[in-house]
Amino acid sequence: MDELAKLLEGNKRFVNREFKSKDLSAQRSETISGQHPFVTIVSCSDSRVVPEYIFDAGIGELFIIRAAGNVVDSCALGSIEYGVGHLHTPLLVVLGHEKCGAVTAACKMLCENNHIDSVLEKIKPVVGKTGPSDVEKTIEENVRWVKDCIENSSKVVKEKVAEGKLTVVGLKYSLTTGKVEILK
């Protein structure tokens, strides 16, 4: 089973509440000597979006970078490169979700001259493309934009994709249904 299919199968189990049995103590012991995740995920830091649950994954299976609005700065890009370059994950996912507060704030242009502004500034170009009235469309476009930014900003990602060793995918998680959809 390829990595994306494995991820989507885990989401199917999550939606259907048919979780695979996990011995977390055994998984912890098995990963003491090192991690071997099969995917690097760039996710929003929203507390309702928990990739380990959404994809019914165990300890050591997912390498996750989280930031509000799943925005990527140089530190996040370094973490992504660690995942795909050092840990050799063959799949890189940008995971957005419905009702994203960071994207909603960017659509409303809620700038208060504090550190959240740095997050909103990263999302504003997307709002300029979609318009501020359709938040859900902007959320999807933000996933595509972050995916493109990663692919265009990281030499490591570019090389892995060119070598056929990495697939980059955008996904959107529904808080309502629990389902994940692939964004084209």
N, C-alpha and C. Protein backbone atom coordinates (compact mmCIF):
# COMPACT_ATOMS: atom_id res chain seq x y z
N MET A 1 0.85 -1.19 0.00
CA MET A 1 0.00 0.00 0.00
C MET A 1 0.89 1.24 0.00
N ASP A 2 0.61 2.17 -0.91
CA ASP A 2 1.43 3.38 -0.91
C ASP A 2 1.06 4.27 0.28
N GLU A 3 1.89 5.26 0.52
CA GLU A 3 1.78 6.07 1.74
C GLU A 3 0.48 6.88 1.80
N LEU A 4 0.07 7.47 0.66
CA LEU A 4 -1.17 8.24 0.67
C LEU A 4 -2.36 7.32 0.93
N ALA A 5 -2.37 6.16 0.30
CA ALA A 5 -3.46 5.20 0.53
C ALA A 5 -3.48 4.77 2.00
N LYS A 6 -2.31 4.56 2.58
CA LYS A 6 -2.22 4.19 3.99
C LYS A 6 -2.80 5.29 4.88
N LEU A 7 -2.48 6.54 4.56
CA LEU A 7 -2.99 7.68 5.31
C LEU A 7 -4.51 7.76 5.20
N LEU A 8 -5.02 7.63 3.97
CA LEU A 8 -6.47 7.72 3.75
C LEU A 8 -7.21 6.54 4.36
N GLU A 9 -6.59 5.38 4.38
CA GLU A 9 -7.18 4.21 5.04
C GLU A 9 -7.30 4.46 6.55
N GLY A 10 -6.29 5.08 7.13
CA GLY A 10 -6.35 5.45 8.54
C GLY A 10 -7.46 6.45 8.80
N ASN A 11 -7.66 7.40 7.88
CA ASN A 11 -8.75 8.36 8.03
C ASN A 11 -10.10 7.67 7.94
N LYS A 12 -10.19 6.69 7.07
CA LYS A 12 -11.44 5.93 6.95
C LYS A 12 -11.77 5.22 8.27
N ARG A 13 -10.75 4.63 8.89
CA ARG A 13 -10.96 3.98 10.19
C ARG A 13 -11.41 5.01 11.23
N PHE A 14 -10.79 6.18 11.21
CA PHE A 14 -11.15 7.26 12.15
C PHE A 14 -12.62 7.65 11.97
N VAL A 15 -13.03 7.88 10.74
CA VAL A 15 -14.41 8.28 10.45
C VAL A 15 -15.39 7.21 10.89
N ASN A 16 -15.03 5.95 10.64
CA ASN A 16 -15.91 4.82 10.97
C ASN A 16 -15.76 4.33 12.41
N ARG A 17 -14.87 4.98 13.16
CA ARG A 17 -14.59 4.59 14.55
C ARG A 17 -14.16 3.13 14.67
N GLU A 18 -13.35 2.71 13.72
CA GLU A 18 -12.81 1.34 13.69
C GLU A 18 -11.30 1.41 13.83
N PHE A 19 -10.84 1.90 14.95
CA PHE A 19 -9.42 2.14 15.17
C PHE A 19 -8.64 0.84 15.26
N LYS A 20 -7.42 0.87 14.70
CA LYS A 20 -6.56 -0.30 14.85
C LYS A 20 -6.06 -0.35 16.29
N SER A 21 -5.85 -1.54 16.75
CA SER A 21 -5.37 -1.73 18.12
C SER A 21 -3.94 -1.21 18.22
N LYS A 22 -3.68 -0.44 19.28
CA LYS A 22 -2.34 0.11 19.46
C LYS A 22 -1.84 -0.20 20.86
N ASP A 23 -0.69 -0.80 20.92
CA ASP A 23 0.00 -0.97 22.20
C ASP A 23 1.01 0.16 22.27
N LEU A 24 0.60 1.28 22.85
CA LEU A 24 1.44 2.48 22.87
C LEU A 24 2.74 2.26 23.63
N SER A 25 2.70 1.44 24.66
CA SER A 25 3.91 1.15 25.41
C SER A 25 4.92 0.41 24.53
N ALA A 26 4.43 -0.54 23.76
CA ALA A 26 5.31 -1.28 22.84
C ALA A 26 5.83 -0.36 21.74
N GLN A 27 4.95 0.50 21.21
CA GLN A 27 5.38 1.44 20.16
C GLN A 27 6.44 2.40 20.69
N ARG A 28 6.26 2.86 21.91
CA ARG A 28 7.25 3.74 22.53
C ARG A 28 8.59 3.03 22.62
N SER A 29 8.57 1.80 23.08
CA SER A 29 9.81 1.02 23.21
C SER A 29 10.46 0.78 21.86
N GLU A 30 9.64 0.50 20.84
CA GLU A 30 10.16 0.22 19.50
C GLU A 30 10.79 1.44 18.85
N THR A 31 10.40 2.63 19.28
CA THR A 31 10.91 3.85 18.64
C THR A 31 12.00 4.55 19.45
N ILE A 32 12.43 3.94 20.52
CA ILE A 32 13.48 4.56 21.35
C ILE A 32 14.75 4.80 20.53
N SER A 33 15.12 3.84 19.70
CA SER A 33 16.37 3.94 18.95
C SER A 33 16.27 4.85 17.73
N GLY A 34 15.07 5.26 17.35
CA GLY A 34 14.93 6.15 16.21
C GLY A 34 13.52 6.13 15.65
N GLN A 35 13.22 7.16 14.88
CA GLN A 35 11.90 7.25 14.26
C GLN A 35 11.97 6.96 12.77
N HIS A 36 10.91 6.38 12.26
CA HIS A 36 10.83 6.05 10.83
C HIS A 36 9.42 6.37 10.32
N PRO A 37 9.05 7.65 10.35
CA PRO A 37 7.71 8.01 9.88
C PRO A 37 7.58 7.80 8.37
N PHE A 38 6.36 7.57 7.91
CA PHE A 38 6.14 7.37 6.48
C PHE A 38 5.62 8.64 5.80
N VAL A 39 5.37 9.69 6.59
CA VAL A 39 4.86 10.94 6.03
C VAL A 39 5.30 12.12 6.89
N THR A 40 5.57 13.23 6.21
CA THR A 40 5.77 14.52 6.87
C THR A 40 4.49 15.31 6.64
N ILE A 41 3.92 15.85 7.72
CA ILE A 41 2.66 16.59 7.62
C ILE A 41 2.86 18.02 8.13
N VAL A 42 2.45 18.99 7.31
CA VAL A 42 2.40 20.38 7.73
C VAL A 42 0.93 20.64 8.05
N SER A 43 0.64 20.87 9.32
CA SER A 43 -0.74 20.98 9.78
C SER A 43 -0.97 22.28 10.54
N CYS A 44 -2.22 22.65 10.63
CA CYS A 44 -2.59 23.78 11.47
C CYS A 44 -2.43 23.38 12.93
N SER A 45 -2.19 24.36 13.78
CA SER A 45 -2.04 24.08 15.21
C SER A 45 -3.38 24.05 15.94
N ASP A 46 -4.48 24.16 15.22
CA ASP A 46 -5.82 24.10 15.81
C ASP A 46 -5.95 22.83 16.65
N SER A 47 -6.41 22.97 17.88
CA SER A 47 -6.48 21.83 18.81
C SER A 47 -7.49 20.77 18.39
N ARG A 48 -8.34 21.10 17.42
CA ARG A 48 -9.32 20.12 16.92
C ARG A 48 -8.76 19.29 15.78
N VAL A 49 -7.57 19.63 15.32
CA VAL A 49 -6.95 18.94 14.19
C VAL A 49 -5.74 18.18 14.72
N VAL A 50 -5.94 16.89 14.96
CA VAL A 50 -4.90 16.05 15.56
C VAL A 50 -4.56 14.94 14.56
N PRO A 51 -3.50 15.12 13.76
CA PRO A 51 -3.19 14.15 12.71
C PRO A 51 -3.08 12.70 13.19
N GLU A 52 -2.51 12.49 14.37
CA GLU A 52 -2.38 11.12 14.86
C GLU A 52 -3.74 10.44 14.99
N TYR A 53 -4.75 11.19 15.39
CA TYR A 53 -6.11 10.63 15.49
C TYR A 53 -6.78 10.58 14.12
N ILE A 54 -6.72 11.68 13.39
CA ILE A 54 -7.38 11.78 12.08
C ILE A 54 -6.95 10.67 11.15
N PHE A 55 -5.67 10.25 11.25
CA PHE A 55 -5.15 9.20 10.38
C PHE A 55 -4.92 7.89 11.11
N ASP A 56 -5.46 7.77 12.33
CA ASP A 56 -5.36 6.55 13.14
C ASP A 56 -3.92 6.02 13.12
N ALA A 57 -2.99 6.88 13.48
CA ALA A 57 -1.56 6.53 13.42
C ALA A 57 -1.00 6.33 14.82
N GLY A 58 0.06 5.56 14.87
CA GLY A 58 0.72 5.29 16.13
C GLY A 58 1.97 6.13 16.32
N ILE A 59 2.65 5.87 17.41
CA ILE A 59 3.89 6.58 17.74
C ILE A 59 4.93 6.29 16.66
N GLY A 60 5.56 7.35 16.16
CA GLY A 60 6.63 7.20 15.19
C GLY A 60 6.20 7.10 13.74
N GLU A 61 4.90 7.17 13.45
CA GLU A 61 4.44 7.02 12.07
C GLU A 61 4.34 8.34 11.30
N LEU A 62 4.08 9.43 12.02
CA LEU A 62 3.90 10.73 11.39
C LEU A 62 4.92 11.73 11.91
N PHE A 63 5.53 12.50 11.01
CA PHE A 63 6.42 13.59 11.39
C PHE A 63 5.64 14.87 11.12
N ILE A 64 5.29 15.61 12.18
CA ILE A 64 4.33 16.70 12.05
C ILE A 64 4.94 18.05 12.41
N ILE A 65 4.69 19.02 11.54
CA ILE A 65 5.06 20.41 11.77
C ILE A 65 3.74 21.17 11.87
N ARG A 66 3.53 21.90 12.97
CA ARG A 66 2.25 22.58 13.17
C ARG A 66 2.44 24.08 13.36
N ALA A 67 1.58 24.85 12.70
CA ALA A 67 1.54 26.30 12.86
C ALA A 67 0.14 26.78 12.49
N ALA A 68 -0.30 27.84 13.13
CA ALA A 68 -1.62 28.39 12.82
C ALA A 68 -1.73 28.66 11.32
N GLY A 69 -2.82 28.21 10.73
CA GLY A 69 -3.02 28.41 9.29
C GLY A 69 -2.10 27.58 8.43
N ASN A 70 -1.44 26.58 9.01
CA ASN A 70 -0.41 25.77 8.37
C ASN A 70 0.55 26.60 7.52
N VAL A 71 0.90 27.78 8.05
CA VAL A 71 1.86 28.64 7.35
C VAL A 71 3.27 28.09 7.54
N VAL A 72 4.13 28.41 6.60
CA VAL A 72 5.50 27.90 6.63
C VAL A 72 6.47 29.07 6.63
N ASP A 73 7.31 29.12 7.65
CA ASP A 73 8.41 30.09 7.70
C ASP A 73 9.71 29.30 7.57
N SER A 74 10.85 29.95 7.76
CA SER A 74 12.13 29.26 7.56
C SER A 74 12.34 28.13 8.57
N CYS A 75 11.86 28.29 9.80
CA CYS A 75 12.00 27.21 10.79
C CYS A 75 11.15 26.00 10.39
N ALA A 76 9.92 26.26 9.96
CA ALA A 76 9.06 25.16 9.51
C ALA A 76 9.65 24.49 8.28
N LEU A 77 10.20 25.29 7.37
CA LEU A 77 10.82 24.72 6.17
C LEU A 77 12.00 23.83 6.56
N GLY A 78 12.77 24.25 7.55
CA GLY A 78 13.87 23.41 8.04
C GLY A 78 13.36 22.09 8.60
N SER A 79 12.25 22.13 9.32
CA SER A 79 11.66 20.90 9.85
C SER A 79 11.14 20.00 8.73
N ILE A 80 10.55 20.61 7.71
CA ILE A 80 10.08 19.84 6.55
C ILE A 80 11.26 19.15 5.88
N GLU A 81 12.35 19.90 5.69
CA GLU A 81 13.53 19.32 5.06
C GLU A 81 14.13 18.22 5.92
N TYR A 82 14.04 18.34 7.23
CA TYR A 82 14.50 17.26 8.11
C TYR A 82 13.65 16.01 7.86
N GLY A 83 12.35 16.20 7.77
CA GLY A 83 11.46 15.06 7.53
C GLY A 83 11.71 14.37 6.21
N VAL A 84 11.76 15.15 5.13
CA VAL A 84 11.90 14.52 3.81
C VAL A 84 13.35 14.20 3.47
N GLY A 85 14.29 14.99 4.00
CA GLY A 85 15.70 14.78 3.68
C GLY A 85 16.43 13.83 4.60
N HIS A 86 16.22 13.96 5.90
CA HIS A 86 16.93 13.12 6.88
C HIS A 86 16.14 11.85 7.23
N LEU A 87 14.84 12.01 7.42
CA LEU A 87 14.01 10.85 7.77
C LEU A 87 13.49 10.12 6.54
N HIS A 88 13.68 10.72 5.38
CA HIS A 88 13.33 10.11 4.08
C HIS A 88 11.85 9.75 3.96
N THR A 89 10.97 10.61 4.46
CA THR A 89 9.55 10.34 4.27
C THR A 89 9.21 10.52 2.80
N PRO A 90 8.54 9.55 2.19
CA PRO A 90 8.23 9.64 0.77
C PRO A 90 6.96 10.44 0.45
N LEU A 91 6.30 10.92 1.50
CA LEU A 91 5.07 11.69 1.31
C LEU A 91 5.12 12.95 2.17
N LEU A 92 4.78 14.08 1.57
CA LEU A 92 4.68 15.36 2.27
C LEU A 92 3.26 15.86 2.08
N VAL A 93 2.57 16.11 3.19
CA VAL A 93 1.17 16.55 3.16
C VAL A 93 1.05 17.93 3.79
N VAL A 94 0.31 18.80 3.11
CA VAL A 94 -0.12 20.06 3.72
C VAL A 94 -1.59 19.84 4.08
N LEU A 95 -1.89 19.90 5.37
CA LEU A 95 -3.22 19.58 5.88
C LEU A 95 -3.93 20.83 6.39
N GLY A 96 -4.92 21.28 5.63
CA GLY A 96 -5.77 22.37 6.08
C GLY A 96 -7.06 21.80 6.65
N HIS A 97 -7.92 22.67 7.15
CA HIS A 97 -9.19 22.19 7.71
C HIS A 97 -10.26 23.26 7.63
N GLU A 98 -11.50 22.80 7.61
CA GLU A 98 -12.62 23.75 7.57
C GLU A 98 -12.65 24.58 8.85
N LYS A 99 -13.20 25.76 8.73
CA LYS A 99 -13.36 26.68 9.86
C LYS A 99 -12.03 27.07 10.52
N CYS A 100 -10.99 27.19 9.70
CA CYS A 100 -9.67 27.55 10.21
C CYS A 100 -9.71 29.00 10.73
N GLY A 101 -9.39 29.17 11.99
CA GLY A 101 -9.42 30.49 12.62
C GLY A 101 -8.40 31.45 12.04
N ALA A 102 -7.22 30.97 11.70
CA ALA A 102 -6.18 31.84 11.15
C ALA A 102 -6.58 32.37 9.78
N VAL A 103 -7.13 31.49 8.94
CA VAL A 103 -7.57 31.93 7.62
C VAL A 103 -8.78 32.86 7.75
N THR A 104 -9.68 32.54 8.66
CA THR A 104 -10.84 33.41 8.91
C THR A 104 -10.38 34.80 9.34
N ALA A 105 -9.41 34.85 10.24
CA ALA A 105 -8.87 36.14 10.70
C ALA A 105 -8.24 36.91 9.55
N ALA A 106 -7.51 36.20 8.69
CA ALA A 106 -6.89 36.86 7.54
C ALA A 106 -7.95 37.40 6.59
N CYS A 107 -9.03 36.65 6.42
CA CYS A 107 -10.13 37.13 5.56
C CYS A 107 -10.78 38.38 6.13
N LYS A 108 -10.83 38.46 7.45
CA LYS A 108 -11.43 39.63 8.11
C LYS A 108 -10.40 40.73 8.34
N MET A 109 -9.15 40.44 7.96
CA MET A 109 -8.05 41.39 8.13
C MET A 109 -7.93 41.87 9.57
N LEU A 110 -8.02 40.93 10.49
CA LEU A 110 -7.94 41.26 11.91
C LEU A 110 -6.50 41.40 12.36
N CYS A 111 -5.92 42.51 12.09
CA CYS A 111 -4.54 42.77 12.51
C CYS A 111 -4.55 43.63 13.76
N GLU A 112 -3.83 43.21 14.74
CA GLU A 112 -3.80 43.92 16.01
C GLU A 112 -2.38 44.35 16.39
N ASN A 113 -1.49 44.33 15.42
CA ASN A 113 -0.10 44.72 15.65
C ASN A 113 0.56 43.88 16.75
N ASN A 114 0.39 42.59 16.66
CA ASN A 114 1.08 41.69 17.56
C ASN A 114 1.60 40.50 16.75
N HIS A 115 2.06 39.47 17.40
CA HIS A 115 2.71 38.37 16.68
C HIS A 115 1.79 37.59 15.76
N ILE A 116 0.50 37.59 16.01
CA ILE A 116 -0.43 36.91 15.10
C ILE A 116 -0.38 37.54 13.71
N ASP A 117 0.00 38.82 13.65
CA ASP A 117 0.10 39.49 12.36
C ASP A 117 1.07 38.77 11.42
N SER A 118 2.13 38.19 11.96
CA SER A 118 3.10 37.49 11.11
C SER A 118 2.46 36.27 10.46
N VAL A 119 1.52 35.64 11.14
CA VAL A 119 0.78 34.52 10.55
C VAL A 119 -0.18 35.04 9.49
N LEU A 120 -0.93 36.07 9.84
CA LEU A 120 -1.92 36.61 8.91
C LEU A 120 -1.28 37.16 7.65
N GLU A 121 -0.11 37.78 7.78
CA GLU A 121 0.60 38.31 6.61
C GLU A 121 0.92 37.21 5.60
N LYS A 122 1.19 36.00 6.09
CA LYS A 122 1.50 34.87 5.20
C LYS A 122 0.25 34.41 4.45
N ILE A 123 -0.93 34.64 5.03
CA ILE A 123 -2.18 34.17 4.43
C ILE A 123 -2.82 35.23 3.53
N LYS A 124 -2.53 36.50 3.77
CA LYS A 124 -3.17 37.60 3.04
C LYS A 124 -3.05 37.50 1.52
N PRO A 125 -1.91 37.04 0.94
CA PRO A 125 -1.87 36.92 -0.52
C PRO A 125 -2.93 35.97 -1.07
N VAL A 126 -3.25 34.95 -0.30
CA VAL A 126 -4.28 34.00 -0.71
C VAL A 126 -5.65 34.67 -0.68
N VAL A 127 -5.89 35.46 0.36
CA VAL A 127 -7.16 36.19 0.47
C VAL A 127 -7.31 37.13 -0.73
N GLY A 128 -6.21 37.71 -1.17
CA GLY A 128 -6.23 38.58 -2.33
C GLY A 128 -6.66 37.86 -3.60
N LYS A 129 -6.36 36.57 -3.68
CA LYS A 129 -6.75 35.77 -4.85
C LYS A 129 -8.20 35.33 -4.79
N THR A 130 -8.67 34.96 -3.60
CA THR A 130 -10.01 34.38 -3.48
C THR A 130 -11.07 35.38 -3.06
N GLY A 131 -10.65 36.46 -2.44
CA GLY A 131 -11.60 37.41 -1.87
C GLY A 131 -11.93 37.01 -0.44
N PRO A 132 -12.24 37.99 0.40
CA PRO A 132 -12.44 37.71 1.82
C PRO A 132 -13.78 37.08 2.19
N SER A 133 -14.72 37.00 1.26
CA SER A 133 -16.06 36.54 1.63
C SER A 133 -16.21 35.03 1.67
N ASP A 134 -15.37 34.29 0.96
CA ASP A 134 -15.49 32.83 0.92
C ASP A 134 -14.35 32.19 1.70
N VAL A 135 -14.54 32.04 3.00
CA VAL A 135 -13.48 31.53 3.87
C VAL A 135 -13.09 30.10 3.49
N GLU A 136 -14.07 29.24 3.22
CA GLU A 136 -13.76 27.83 2.92
C GLU A 136 -12.95 27.71 1.62
N LYS A 137 -13.28 28.51 0.62
CA LYS A 137 -12.50 28.52 -0.62
C LYS A 137 -11.08 29.02 -0.33
N THR A 138 -10.97 30.01 0.52
CA THR A 138 -9.66 30.56 0.89
C THR A 138 -8.84 29.52 1.65
N ILE A 139 -9.48 28.74 2.50
CA ILE A 139 -8.78 27.66 3.22
C ILE A 139 -8.18 26.68 2.24
N GLU A 140 -8.96 26.26 1.25
CA GLU A 140 -8.46 25.32 0.24
C GLU A 140 -7.33 25.94 -0.57
N GLU A 141 -7.50 27.19 -0.96
CA GLU A 141 -6.45 27.87 -1.73
C GLU A 141 -5.19 28.06 -0.89
N ASN A 142 -5.35 28.28 0.40
CA ASN A 142 -4.20 28.41 1.29
C ASN A 142 -3.39 27.11 1.32
N VAL A 143 -4.06 25.97 1.36
CA VAL A 143 -3.36 24.68 1.32
C VAL A 143 -2.55 24.58 0.03
N ARG A 144 -3.18 24.90 -1.09
CA ARG A 144 -2.48 24.83 -2.38
C ARG A 144 -1.29 25.80 -2.41
N TRP A 145 -1.49 27.00 -1.86
CA TRP A 145 -0.44 28.02 -1.86
C TRP A 145 0.73 27.58 -1.00
N VAL A 146 0.46 27.05 0.20
CA VAL A 146 1.53 26.57 1.09
C VAL A 146 2.28 25.43 0.42
N LYS A 147 1.54 24.52 -0.20
CA LYS A 147 2.16 23.40 -0.93
C LYS A 147 3.11 23.93 -2.01
N ASP A 148 2.64 24.89 -2.80
CA ASP A 148 3.47 25.47 -3.86
C ASP A 148 4.68 26.20 -3.28
N CYS A 149 4.48 26.93 -2.19
CA CYS A 149 5.59 27.64 -1.54
C CYS A 149 6.67 26.67 -1.09
N ILE A 150 6.26 25.57 -0.49
CA ILE A 150 7.23 24.57 -0.03
C ILE A 150 7.99 24.01 -1.23
N GLU A 151 7.25 23.63 -2.27
CA GLU A 151 7.89 23.04 -3.45
C GLU A 151 8.85 24.02 -4.13
N ASN A 152 8.53 25.31 -4.09
CA ASN A 152 9.37 26.31 -4.75
C ASN A 152 10.48 26.87 -3.86
N SER A 153 10.38 26.68 -2.55
CA SER A 153 11.34 27.28 -1.62
C SER A 153 12.40 26.31 -1.12
N SER A 154 12.15 25.03 -1.24
CA SER A 154 13.07 24.04 -0.68
C SER A 154 13.79 23.25 -1.75
N LYS A 155 15.09 23.40 -1.78
CA LYS A 155 15.91 22.63 -2.71
C LYS A 155 15.78 21.13 -2.43
N VAL A 156 15.74 20.77 -1.16
CA VAL A 156 15.62 19.36 -0.76
C VAL A 156 14.32 18.77 -1.30
N VAL A 157 13.22 19.49 -1.12
CA VAL A 157 11.92 19.01 -1.60
C VAL A 157 11.94 18.91 -3.12
N LYS A 158 12.44 19.94 -3.81
CA LYS A 158 12.51 19.93 -5.27
C LYS A 158 13.27 18.72 -5.78
N GLU A 159 14.43 18.46 -5.17
CA GLU A 159 15.26 17.33 -5.60
C GLU A 159 14.57 16.00 -5.38
N LYS A 160 13.95 15.83 -4.21
CA LYS A 160 13.26 14.56 -3.90
C LYS A 160 12.09 14.33 -4.86
N VAL A 161 11.36 15.40 -5.18
CA VAL A 161 10.25 15.28 -6.13
C VAL A 161 10.79 14.91 -7.51
N ALA A 162 11.84 15.60 -7.96
CA ALA A 162 12.44 15.34 -9.27
C ALA A 162 12.97 13.91 -9.38
N GLU A 163 13.49 13.39 -8.27
CA GLU A 163 14.02 12.02 -8.25
C GLU A 163 12.92 10.97 -8.13
N GLY A 164 11.69 11.40 -7.96
CA GLY A 164 10.58 10.47 -7.78
C GLY A 164 10.53 9.83 -6.40
N LYS A 165 11.22 10.45 -5.44
CA LYS A 165 11.29 9.92 -4.08
C LYS A 165 10.32 10.62 -3.12
N LEU A 166 9.58 11.61 -3.62
CA LEU A 166 8.68 12.36 -2.76
C LEU A 166 7.44 12.79 -3.55
N THR A 167 6.30 12.60 -2.92
CA THR A 167 5.03 13.10 -3.44
C THR A 167 4.53 14.17 -2.48
N VAL A 168 4.07 15.29 -3.02
CA VAL A 168 3.55 16.39 -2.20
C VAL A 168 2.05 16.52 -2.49
N VAL A 169 1.25 16.50 -1.42
CA VAL A 169 -0.20 16.48 -1.57
C VAL A 169 -0.84 17.49 -0.61
N GLY A 170 -1.90 18.13 -1.06
CA GLY A 170 -2.71 18.99 -0.21
C GLY A 170 -3.98 18.27 0.20
N LEU A 171 -4.30 18.31 1.48
CA LEU A 171 -5.51 17.67 2.00
C LEU A 171 -6.30 18.68 2.82
N LYS A 172 -7.61 18.48 2.89
CA LYS A 172 -8.47 19.31 3.74
C LYS A 172 -9.29 18.39 4.64
N TYR A 173 -9.25 18.69 5.93
CA TYR A 173 -9.96 17.92 6.94
C TYR A 173 -11.28 18.59 7.29
N SER A 174 -12.34 17.80 7.33
CA SER A 174 -13.65 18.32 7.72
C SER A 174 -13.86 18.09 9.20
N LEU A 175 -14.01 19.17 9.95
CA LEU A 175 -14.32 19.05 11.37
C LEU A 175 -15.69 18.41 11.55
N THR A 176 -16.58 18.64 10.61
CA THR A 176 -17.95 18.15 10.69
C THR A 176 -18.04 16.64 10.52
N THR A 177 -17.39 16.11 9.48
CA THR A 177 -17.52 14.68 9.17
C THR A 177 -16.32 13.85 9.61
N GLY A 178 -15.17 14.49 9.81
CA GLY A 178 -13.95 13.76 10.13
C GLY A 178 -13.20 13.30 8.89
N LYS A 179 -13.80 13.47 7.72
CA LYS A 179 -13.19 13.00 6.48
C LYS A 179 -12.12 13.97 5.98
N VAL A 180 -11.15 13.39 5.30
CA VAL A 180 -10.09 14.15 4.64
C VAL A 180 -10.30 14.04 3.14
N GLU A 181 -10.20 15.16 2.44
CA GLU A 181 -10.32 15.13 0.98
C GLU A 181 -9.02 15.62 0.36
N ILE A 182 -8.70 15.05 -0.80
CA ILE A 182 -7.52 15.46 -1.56
C ILE A 182 -7.88 16.72 -2.34
N LEU A 183 -7.03 17.73 -2.24
CA LEU A 183 -7.25 18.97 -2.99
C LEU A 183 -6.43 18.92 -4.27
N LYS A 184 -7.06 19.18 -5.35
CA LYS A 184 -6.38 19.20 -6.66
C LYS A 184 -5.81 20.56 -6.93
